[in-house]
PDB file of N, CA and C in Angstrom:
ATOM      1  N   MET A   1      20.119  16.528   4.291  1.00  0.00           N
ATOM      2  CA  MET A   1      20.075  16.824   2.992  1.00  0.00           C
ATOM      3  C   MET A   1      20.530  15.431   2.169  1.00  0.00           C
ATOM      4  N   ALA A   2      21.609  14.829   2.681  1.00  0.00           N
ATOM      5  CA  ALA A   2      22.036  13.637   2.059  1.00  0.00           C
ATOM      6  C   ALA A   2      21.235  12.437   2.174  1.00  0.00           C
ATOM      7  N   VAL A   3      20.492  12.475   3.336  1.00  0.00           N
ATOM      8  CA  VAL A   3      19.451  11.514   3.505  1.00  0.00           C
ATOM      9  C   VAL A   3      18.337  11.327   2.584  1.00  0.00           C
ATOM     10  N   ALA A   4      17.946  12.675   2.365  1.00  0.00           N
ATOM     11  CA  ALA A   4      16.833  12.922   1.370  1.00  0.00           C
ATOM     12  C   ALA A   4      17.296  12.478  -0.054  1.00  0.00           C
ATOM     13  N   SER A   5      18.435  12.819  -0.353  1.00  0.00           N
ATOM     14  CA  SER A   5      19.008  12.523  -1.649  1.00  0.00           C
ATOM     15  C   SER A   5      19.066  10.803  -1.867  1.00  0.00           C
ATOM     16  N   VAL A   6      19.635  10.261  -0.819  1.00  0.00           N
ATOM     17  CA  VAL A   6      19.679   8.793  -0.898  1.00  0.00           C
ATOM     18  C   VAL A   6      18.256   8.261  -0.958  1.00  0.00           C
ATOM     19  N   ALA A   7      17.289   8.587  -0.210  1.00  0.00           N
ATOM     20  CA  ALA A   7      15.797   8.028  -0.207  1.00  0.00           C
ATOM     21  C   ALA A   7      15.312   8.378  -1.597  1.00  0.00           C
ATOM     22  N   VAL A   8      15.551   9.480  -2.295  1.00  0.00           N
ATOM     23  CA  VAL A   8      14.883   9.723  -3.544  1.00  0.00           C
ATOM     24  C   VAL A   8      15.574   8.853  -4.683  1.00  0.00           C
ATOM     25  N   THR A   9      16.876   8.572  -4.549  1.00  0.00           N
ATOM     26  CA  THR A   9      17.611   7.780  -5.360  1.00  0.00           C
ATOM     27  C   THR A   9      17.061   6.442  -5.312  1.00  0.00           C
ATOM     28  N   THR A  10      16.978   6.151  -4.087  1.00  0.00           N
ATOM     29  CA  THR A  10      16.449   4.547  -3.950  1.00  0.00           C
ATOM     30  C   THR A  10      15.154   4.548  -4.417  1.00  0.00           C
ATOM     31  N   LEU A  11      14.363   5.326  -4.178  1.00  0.00           N
ATOM     32  CA  LEU A  11      12.814   5.419  -4.874  1.00  0.00           C
ATOM     33  C   LEU A  11      12.872   5.322  -6.217  1.00  0.00           C
ATOM     34  N   VAL A  12      13.807   5.990  -7.072  1.00  0.00           N
ATOM     35  CA  VAL A  12      13.907   5.965  -8.563  1.00  0.00           C
ATOM     36  C   VAL A  12      14.476   4.726  -8.873  1.00  0.00           C
ATOM     37  N   VAL A  13      15.462   4.143  -8.163  1.00  0.00           N
ATOM     38  CA  VAL A  13      15.980   2.839  -8.691  1.00  0.00           C
ATOM     39  C   VAL A  13      14.984   1.589  -8.376  1.00  0.00           C
ATOM     40  N   VAL A  14      14.229   1.847  -7.376  1.00  0.00           N
ATOM     41  CA  VAL A  14      13.134   0.797  -7.151  1.00  0.00           C
ATOM     42  C   VAL A  14      12.049   0.814  -8.108  1.00  0.00           C
ATOM     43  N   THR A  15      11.692   2.009  -8.545  1.00  0.00           N
ATOM     44  CA  THR A  15      10.663   2.393  -9.647  1.00  0.00           C
ATOM     45  C   THR A  15      11.149   1.794 -10.851  1.00  0.00           C
ATOM     46  N   VAL A  16      12.292   1.877 -11.347  1.00  0.00           N
ATOM     47  CA  VAL A  16      12.829   1.414 -12.555  1.00  0.00           C
ATOM     48  C   VAL A  16      12.905   0.129 -12.529  1.00  0.00           C
ATOM     49  N   TRP A  17      13.265  -0.754 -11.332  1.00  0.00           N
ATOM     50  CA  TRP A  17      13.363  -2.000 -11.274  1.00  0.00           C
ATOM     51  C   TRP A  17      12.073  -2.861 -11.262  1.00  0.00           C
ATOM     52  N   VAL A  18      10.764  -2.117 -10.560  1.00  0.00           N
ATOM     53  CA  VAL A  18       9.593  -2.508 -10.878  1.00  0.00           C
ATOM     54  C   VAL A  18       8.889  -2.401 -11.973  1.00  0.00           C
ATOM     55  N   THR A  19       9.069  -1.199 -12.593  1.00  0.00           N
ATOM     56  CA  THR A  19       8.226  -0.867 -13.842  1.00  0.00           C
ATOM     57  C   THR A  19       9.057  -0.942 -15.047  1.00  0.00           C
ATOM     58  N   ASP A  20       8.396  -0.735 -15.954  1.00  0.00           N
ATOM     59  CA  ASP A  20       9.286  -0.633 -17.543  1.00  0.00           C
ATOM     60  C   ASP A  20       9.739   0.744 -17.845  1.00  0.00           C
ATOM     61  N   LEU A  21       9.859   1.692 -16.872  1.00  0.00           N
ATOM     62  CA  LEU A  21      10.260   3.099 -17.065  1.00  0.00           C
ATOM     63  C   LEU A  21      11.932   2.902 -17.367  1.00  0.00           C
ATOM     64  N   SER A  22      12.206   4.029 -18.073  1.00  0.00           N
ATOM     65  CA  SER A  22      13.700   4.035 -18.259  1.00  0.00           C
ATOM     66  C   SER A  22      14.317   4.893 -17.202  1.00  0.00           C
ATOM     67  N   PHE A  23      15.450   4.878 -16.904  1.00  0.00           N
ATOM     68  CA  PHE A  23      16.091   5.346 -15.777  1.00  0.00           C
ATOM     69  C   PHE A  23      15.918   7.088 -15.783  1.00  0.00           C
ATOM     70  N   GLY A  24      16.154   7.548 -17.168  1.00  0.00           N
ATOM     71  CA  GLY A  24      15.963   8.811 -17.339  1.00  0.00           C
ATOM     72  C   GLY A  24      14.610   9.376 -17.070  1.00  0.00           C
ATOM     73  N   ARG A  25      13.695   8.723 -17.582  1.00  0.00           N
ATOM     74  CA  ARG A  25      12.296   8.978 -17.480  1.00  0.00           C
ATOM     75  C   ARG A  25      11.852   9.097 -15.858  1.00  0.00           C
ATOM     76  N   ALA A  26      12.410   7.863 -15.070  1.00  0.00           N
ATOM     77  CA  ALA A  26      12.196   8.032 -13.730  1.00  0.00           C
ATOM     78  C   ALA A  26      12.818   9.217 -13.013  1.00  0.00           C
ATOM     79  N   ILE A  27      13.862   9.588 -13.388  1.00  0.00           N
ATOM     80  CA  ILE A  27      14.505  10.657 -12.703  1.00  0.00           C
ATOM     81  C   ILE A  27      13.446  11.902 -13.039  1.00  0.00           C
ATOM     82  N   LEU A  28      13.154  12.070 -14.348  1.00  0.00           N
ATOM     83  CA  LEU A  28      12.173  13.197 -14.332  1.00  0.00           C
ATOM     84  C   LEU A  28      10.963  13.214 -13.611  1.00  0.00           C
ATOM     85  N   LEU A  29      10.466  11.911 -13.314  1.00  0.00           N
ATOM     86  CA  LEU A  29       9.228  11.669 -12.554  1.00  0.00           C
ATOM     87  C   LEU A  29       9.538  11.586 -11.147  1.00  0.00           C
ATOM     88  N   ALA A  30      10.695  12.003 -10.552  1.00  0.00           N
ATOM     89  CA  ALA A  30      11.131  11.839  -9.260  1.00  0.00           C
ATOM     90  C   ALA A  30      10.162  12.863  -8.342  1.00  0.00           C
ATOM     91  N   PRO A  31       9.813  13.965  -8.656  1.00  0.00           N
ATOM     92  CA  PRO A  31       8.910  14.603  -7.673  1.00  0.00           C
ATOM     93  C   PRO A  31       7.524  14.076  -7.710  1.00  0.00           C
ATOM     94  N   VAL A  32       7.062  13.679  -8.788  1.00  0.00           N
ATOM     95  CA  VAL A  32       5.864  12.916  -8.758  1.00  0.00           C
ATOM     96  C   VAL A  32       5.815  11.512  -7.925  1.00  0.00           C
ATOM     97  N   LEU A  33       6.876  10.755  -8.074  1.00  0.00           N
ATOM     98  CA  LEU A  33       7.168   9.670  -7.255  1.00  0.00           C
ATOM     99  C   LEU A  33       7.183   9.949  -5.745  1.00  0.00           C
ATOM    100  N   VAL A  34       7.712  11.003  -5.400  1.00  0.00           N
ATOM    101  CA  VAL A  34       7.855  11.444  -3.975  1.00  0.00           C
ATOM    102  C   VAL A  34       6.601  11.797  -3.411  1.00  0.00           C
ATOM    103  N   VAL A  35       5.759  12.721  -4.167  1.00  0.00           N
ATOM    104  CA  VAL A  35       4.643  13.183  -3.704  1.00  0.00           C
ATOM    105  C   VAL A  35       3.663  12.008  -3.560  1.00  0.00           C
ATOM    106  N   GLY A  36       3.566  10.986  -4.626  1.00  0.00           N
ATOM    107  CA  GLY A  36       2.617   9.901  -4.671  1.00  0.00           C
ATOM    108  C   GLY A  36       3.104   8.915  -3.510  1.00  0.00           C
ATOM    109  N   LEU A  37       4.179   8.726  -3.217  1.00  0.00           N
ATOM    110  CA  LEU A  37       4.703   8.035  -2.043  1.00  0.00           C
ATOM    111  C   LEU A  37       4.240   8.524  -0.644  1.00  0.00           C
ATOM    112  N   ALA A  38       4.388   9.829  -0.612  1.00  0.00           N
ATOM    113  CA  ALA A  38       3.979  10.556   0.458  1.00  0.00           C
ATOM    114  C   ALA A  38       2.511  10.420   0.783  1.00  0.00           C
ATOM    115  N   ALA A  39       1.729  10.742  -0.220  1.00  0.00           N
ATOM    116  CA  ALA A  39       0.296  10.535  -0.253  1.00  0.00           C
ATOM    117  C   ALA A  39      -0.195   9.126  -0.040  1.00  0.00           C
ATOM    118  N   ALA A  40       0.559   8.044  -0.362  1.00  0.00           N
ATOM    119  CA  ALA A  40       0.173   6.751  -0.121  1.00  0.00           C
ATOM    120  C   ALA A  40       0.440   6.324   1.405  1.00  0.00           C
ATOM    121  N   ALA A  41       1.674   6.925   1.892  1.00  0.00           N
ATOM    122  CA  ALA A  41       2.008   6.637   3.233  1.00  0.00           C
ATOM    123  C   ALA A  41       1.001   7.358   4.227  1.00  0.00           C
ATOM    124  N   GLY A  42       0.622   8.685   3.819  1.00  0.00           N
ATOM    125  CA  GLY A  42      -0.419   9.484   4.584  1.00  0.00           C
ATOM    126  C   GLY A  42      -1.756   8.608   4.608  1.00  0.00           C
ATOM    127  N   LEU A  43      -2.225   7.845   3.562  1.00  0.00           N
ATOM    128  CA  LEU A  43      -3.368   7.217   3.681  1.00  0.00           C
ATOM    129  C   LEU A  43      -3.236   5.908   4.467  1.00  0.00           C
ATOM    130  N   VAL A  44      -2.163   5.389   4.526  1.00  0.00           N
ATOM    131  CA  VAL A  44      -1.866   4.215   5.414  1.00  0.00           C
ATOM    132  C   VAL A  44      -2.076   4.605   6.782  1.00  0.00           C
ATOM    133  N   VAL A  45      -1.254   5.586   7.115  1.00  0.00           N
ATOM    134  CA  VAL A  45      -1.332   6.199   8.529  1.00  0.00           C
ATOM    135  C   VAL A  45      -2.725   6.541   8.835  1.00  0.00           C
ATOM    136  N   PHE A  46      -3.502   7.182   8.005  1.00  0.00           N
ATOM    137  CA  PHE A  46      -4.800   7.687   8.437  1.00  0.00           C
ATOM    138  C   PHE A  46      -5.639   6.338   8.668  1.00  0.00           C
ATOM    139  N   TRP A  47      -5.624   5.384   7.515  1.00  0.00           N
ATOM    140  CA  TRP A  47      -6.836   4.403   7.830  1.00  0.00           C
ATOM    141  C   TRP A  47      -6.147   3.442   8.788  1.00  0.00           C
ATOM    142  N   SER A  48      -4.956   3.225   9.158  1.00  0.00           N
ATOM    143  CA  SER A  48      -4.716   2.528  10.336  1.00  0.00           C
ATOM    144  C   SER A  48      -5.169   3.003  11.650  1.00  0.00           C
ATOM    145  N   ARG A  49      -4.945   4.268  11.819  1.00  0.00           N
ATOM    146  CA  ARG A  49      -5.612   5.064  12.994  1.00  0.00           C
ATOM    147  C   ARG A  49      -6.959   4.961  13.184  1.00  0.00           C
ATOM    148  N   VAL A  50      -7.707   5.137  11.924  1.00  0.00           N
ATOM    149  CA  VAL A  50      -9.097   5.122  11.978  1.00  0.00           C
ATOM    150  C   VAL A  50      -9.445   3.531  12.340  1.00  0.00           C
ATOM    151  N   GLY A  51      -8.804   2.499  11.911  1.00  0.00           N
ATOM    152  CA  GLY A  51      -9.123   1.255  12.057  1.00  0.00           C
ATOM    153  C   GLY A  51      -8.709   0.705  13.601  1.00  0.00           C
ATOM    154  N   TRP A  52      -7.582   1.348  14.209  1.00  0.00           N
ATOM    155  CA  TRP A  52      -7.042   1.024  15.476  1.00  0.00           C
ATOM    156  C   TRP A  52      -8.283   1.634  16.638  1.00  0.00           C
ATOM    157  N   GLN A  53      -8.712   2.987  16.222  1.00  0.00           N
ATOM    158  CA  GLN A  53      -9.557   3.599  17.045  1.00  0.00           C
ATOM    159  C   GLN A  53     -11.069   2.940  16.970  1.00  0.00           C
ATOM    160  N   SER A  54     -11.441   2.316  15.810  1.00  0.00           N
ATOM    161  CA  SER A  54     -12.620   1.625  15.961  1.00  0.00           C
ATOM    162  C   SER A  54     -12.479   0.313  16.403  1.00  0.00           C
ATOM    163  N   LEU A  55     -11.297  -0.235  16.394  1.00  0.00           N
ATOM    164  CA  LEU A  55     -10.975  -1.466  17.259  1.00  0.00           C
ATOM    165  C   LEU A  55     -11.271  -1.328  18.680  1.00  0.00           C
ATOM    166  N   ARG A  56     -10.521  -0.266  19.265  1.00  0.00           N
ATOM    167  CA  ARG A  56     -10.618   0.175  20.516  1.00  0.00           C
ATOM    168  C   ARG A  56     -11.979   0.423  21.099  1.00  0.00           C
ATOM    169  N   GLN A  57     -13.080   0.886  20.238  1.00  0.00           N
ATOM    170  CA  GLN A  57     -14.232   1.150  20.630  1.00  0.00           C
ATOM    171  C   GLN A  57     -15.235   0.175  20.605  1.00  0.00           C
ATOM    172  N   ALA A  58     -14.772  -0.973  19.839  1.00  0.00           N
ATOM    173  CA  ALA A  58     -15.742  -2.023  19.501  1.00  0.00           C
ATOM    174  C   ALA A  58     -16.276  -2.766  20.851  1.00  0.00           C
ATOM    175  N   ARG A  59     -17.337  -3.325  20.746  1.00  0.00           N
ATOM    176  CA  ARG A  59     -17.793  -4.006  21.780  1.00  0.00           C
ATOM    177  C   ARG A  59     -17.300  -5.448  21.877  1.00  0.00           C
ATOM    178  N   HIS A  60     -17.029  -5.986  20.618  1.00  0.00           N
ATOM    179  CA  HIS A  60     -16.428  -7.341  20.744  1.00  0.00           C
ATOM    180  C   HIS A  60     -15.119  -7.259  19.702  1.00  0.00           C
ATOM    181  N   PRO A  61     -14.008  -6.880  20.244  1.00  0.00           N
ATOM    182  CA  PRO A  61     -12.891  -6.628  19.234  1.00  0.00           C
ATOM    183  C   PRO A  61     -12.276  -7.832  18.729  1.00  0.00           C
ATOM    184  N   ARG A  62     -12.514  -8.901  19.344  1.00  0.00           N
ATOM    185  CA  ARG A  62     -12.000 -10.337  18.940  1.00  0.00           C
ATOM    186  C   ARG A  62     -12.761 -10.659  17.814  1.00  0.00           C
ATOM    187  N   LEU A  63     -14.084 -10.671  17.938  1.00  0.00           N
ATOM    188  CA  LEU A  63     -15.104 -10.800  16.882  1.00  0.00           C
ATOM    189  C   LEU A  63     -14.596 -10.076  15.413  1.00  0.00           C
ATOM    190  N   LEU A  64     -14.393  -8.868  15.615  1.00  0.00           N
ATOM    191  CA  LEU A  64     -14.045  -7.839  14.549  1.00  0.00           C
ATOM    192  C   LEU A  64     -12.699  -8.355  13.977  1.00  0.00           C
ATOM    193  N   ILE A  65     -11.675  -8.749  14.755  1.00  0.00           N
ATOM    194  CA  ILE A  65     -10.339  -9.202  14.296  1.00  0.00           C
ATOM    195  C   ILE A  65     -10.660 -10.784  13.513  1.00  0.00           C
ATOM    196  N   ALA A  66     -11.447 -11.516  14.073  1.00  0.00           N
ATOM    197  CA  ALA A  66     -11.678 -12.874  13.499  1.00  0.00           C
ATOM    198  C   ALA A  66     -12.495 -12.580  12.018  1.00  0.00           C
ATOM    199  N   ALA A  67     -13.491 -11.694  11.893  1.00  0.00           N
ATOM    200  CA  ALA A  67     -14.011 -11.441  10.768  1.00  0.00           C
ATOM    201  C   ALA A  67     -13.302 -10.949   9.809  1.00  0.00           C
ATOM    202  N   THR A  68     -12.313 -10.011  10.197  1.00  0.00           N
ATOM    203  CA  THR A  68     -11.431  -9.367   9.167  1.00  0.00           C
ATOM    204  C   THR A  68     -10.346 -10.283   8.715  1.00  0.00           C
ATOM    205  N   ALA A  69      -9.835 -11.287   9.576  1.00  0.00           N
ATOM    206  CA  ALA A  69      -9.091 -12.257   9.299  1.00  0.00           C
ATOM    207  C   ALA A  69      -9.686 -13.148   8.179  1.00  0.00           C
ATOM    208  N   ALA A  70     -10.879 -13.717   8.592  1.00  0.00           N
ATOM    209  CA  ALA A  70     -11.605 -14.552   7.689  1.00  0.00           C
ATOM    210  C   ALA A  70     -11.839 -13.879   6.405  1.00  0.00           C
ATOM    211  N   PHE A  71     -12.188 -12.754   6.138  1.00  0.00           N
ATOM    212  CA  PHE A  71     -12.434 -12.153   4.925  1.00  0.00           C
ATOM    213  C   PHE A  71     -11.067 -12.011   4.180  1.00  0.00           C
ATOM    214  N   VAL A  72      -9.892 -11.650   4.812  1.00  0.00           N
ATOM    215  CA  VAL A  72      -8.658 -11.607   4.106  1.00  0.00           C
ATOM    216  C   VAL A  72      -8.271 -12.963   3.542  1.00  0.00           C
ATOM    217  N   LEU A  73      -8.430 -14.132   4.431  1.00  0.00           N
ATOM    218  CA  LEU A  73      -8.256 -15.470   4.100  1.00  0.00           C
ATOM    219  C   LEU A  73      -8.953 -15.901   2.938  1.00  0.00           C
ATOM    220  N   LEU A  74     -10.274 -15.492   2.876  1.00  0.00           N
ATOM    221  CA  LEU A  74     -11.194 -15.774   1.892  1.00  0.00           C
ATOM    222  C   LEU A  74     -10.559 -15.162   0.619  1.00  0.00           C
ATOM    223  N   LEU A  75     -10.392 -13.967   0.739  1.00  0.00           N
ATOM    224  CA  LEU A  75      -9.796 -13.303  -0.634  1.00  0.00           C
ATOM    225  C   LEU A  75      -8.431 -13.983  -1.085  1.00  0.00           C
ATOM    226  N   VAL A  76      -7.541 -14.250  -0.286  1.00  0.00           N
ATOM    227  CA  VAL A  76      -6.289 -14.888  -0.653  1.00  0.00           C
ATOM    228  C   VAL A  76      -6.473 -16.307  -1.173  1.00  0.00           C
ATOM    229  N   GLY A  77      -7.438 -17.004  -0.508  1.00  0.00           N
ATOM    230  CA  GLY A  77      -7.966 -18.312  -0.876  1.00  0.00           C
ATOM    231  C   GLY A  77      -8.575 -18.460  -2.385  1.00  0.00           C
ATOM    232  N   LEU A  78      -9.337 -17.483  -2.634  1.00  0.00           N
ATOM    233  CA  LEU A  78     -10.038 -17.358  -4.037  1.00  0.00           C
ATOM    234  C   LEU A  78      -9.008 -16.844  -5.107  1.00  0.00           C
ATOM    235  N   THR A  79      -8.018 -15.979  -4.576  1.00  0.00           N
ATOM    236  CA  THR A  79      -7.015 -15.509  -5.549  1.00  0.00           C
ATOM    237  C   THR A  79      -6.102 -16.746  -5.829  1.00  0.00           C
ATOM    238  N   LEU A  80      -5.765 -17.500  -4.868  1.00  0.00           N
ATOM    239  CA  LEU A  80      -4.892 -18.635  -5.155  1.00  0.00           C
ATOM    240  C   LEU A  80      -5.573 -19.712  -6.008  1.00  0.00           C
ATOM    241  N   LEU A  81      -6.798 -19.715  -6.025  1.00  0.00           N
ATOM    242  CA  LEU A  81      -7.531 -20.835  -6.800  1.00  0.00           C
ATOM    243  C   LEU A  81      -7.689 -20.200  -8.073  1.00  0.00           C
ATOM    244  N   GLY A  82      -7.641 -19.020  -8.263  1.00  0.00           N
ATOM    245  CA  GLY A  82      -7.645 -18.346  -9.755  1.00  0.00           C
ATOM    246  C   GLY A  82      -9.168 -17.957 -10.004  1.00  0.00           C
ATOM    247  N   VAL A  83     -10.051 -17.943  -8.875  1.00  0.00           N
ATOM    248  CA  VAL A  83     -11.298 -17.249  -9.184  1.00  0.00           C
ATOM    249  C   VAL A  83     -11.279 -15.763  -9.624  1.00  0.00           C
ATOM    250  N   GLN A  84     -12.163 -15.703 -10.671  1.00  0.00           N
ATOM    251  CA  GLN A  84     -12.289 -14.089 -11.214  1.00  0.00           C
ATOM    252  C   GLN A  84     -13.598 -13.511 -11.158  1.00  0.00           C
ATOM    253  N   LEU A  85     -13.524 -12.421 -10.710  1.00  0.00           N
ATOM    254  CA  LEU A  85     -14.952 -11.838 -10.634  1.00  0.00           C
ATOM    255  C   LEU A  85     -15.465 -11.571 -12.067  1.00  0.00           C
ATOM    256  N   PRO A  86     -16.745 -11.516 -12.239  1.00  0.00           N
ATOM    257  CA  PRO A  86     -17.216 -11.166 -13.664  1.00  0.00           C
ATOM    258  C   PRO A  86     -16.813  -9.537 -13.727  1.00  0.00           C
ATOM    259  N   ARG A  87     -16.359  -9.024 -15.035  1.00  0.00           N
ATOM    260  CA  ARG A  87     -16.424  -7.708 -15.412  1.00  0.00           C
ATOM    261  C   ARG A  87     -17.498  -7.264 -16.283  1.00  0.00           C
ATOM    262  N   GLU A  88     -17.896  -5.914 -15.940  1.00  0.00           N
ATOM    263  CA  GLU A  88     -19.109  -5.380 -16.570  1.00  0.00           C
ATOM    264  C   GLU A  88     -18.446  -4.624 -17.914  1.00  0.00           C
TER     265      GLU A  88
END
């Protein structure tokens, strides 16, 4: 029980530090923050397992890893250069 309390308190403090929420409002939103964090963690675990399974079943896993790394590097490079996509 104490570990959960420390985890929720840490989540609230980090949320106040990262956003412009007041401490009182973040405390009131603690259940929403916990559920949101759990949902985000669940999505990360799910898509990591899907990606790992796809990588294991791929005919050329090194090519898949190289293409993914090239795509991520392209996105990072364009972001660092300040390229913005047109908005509709």
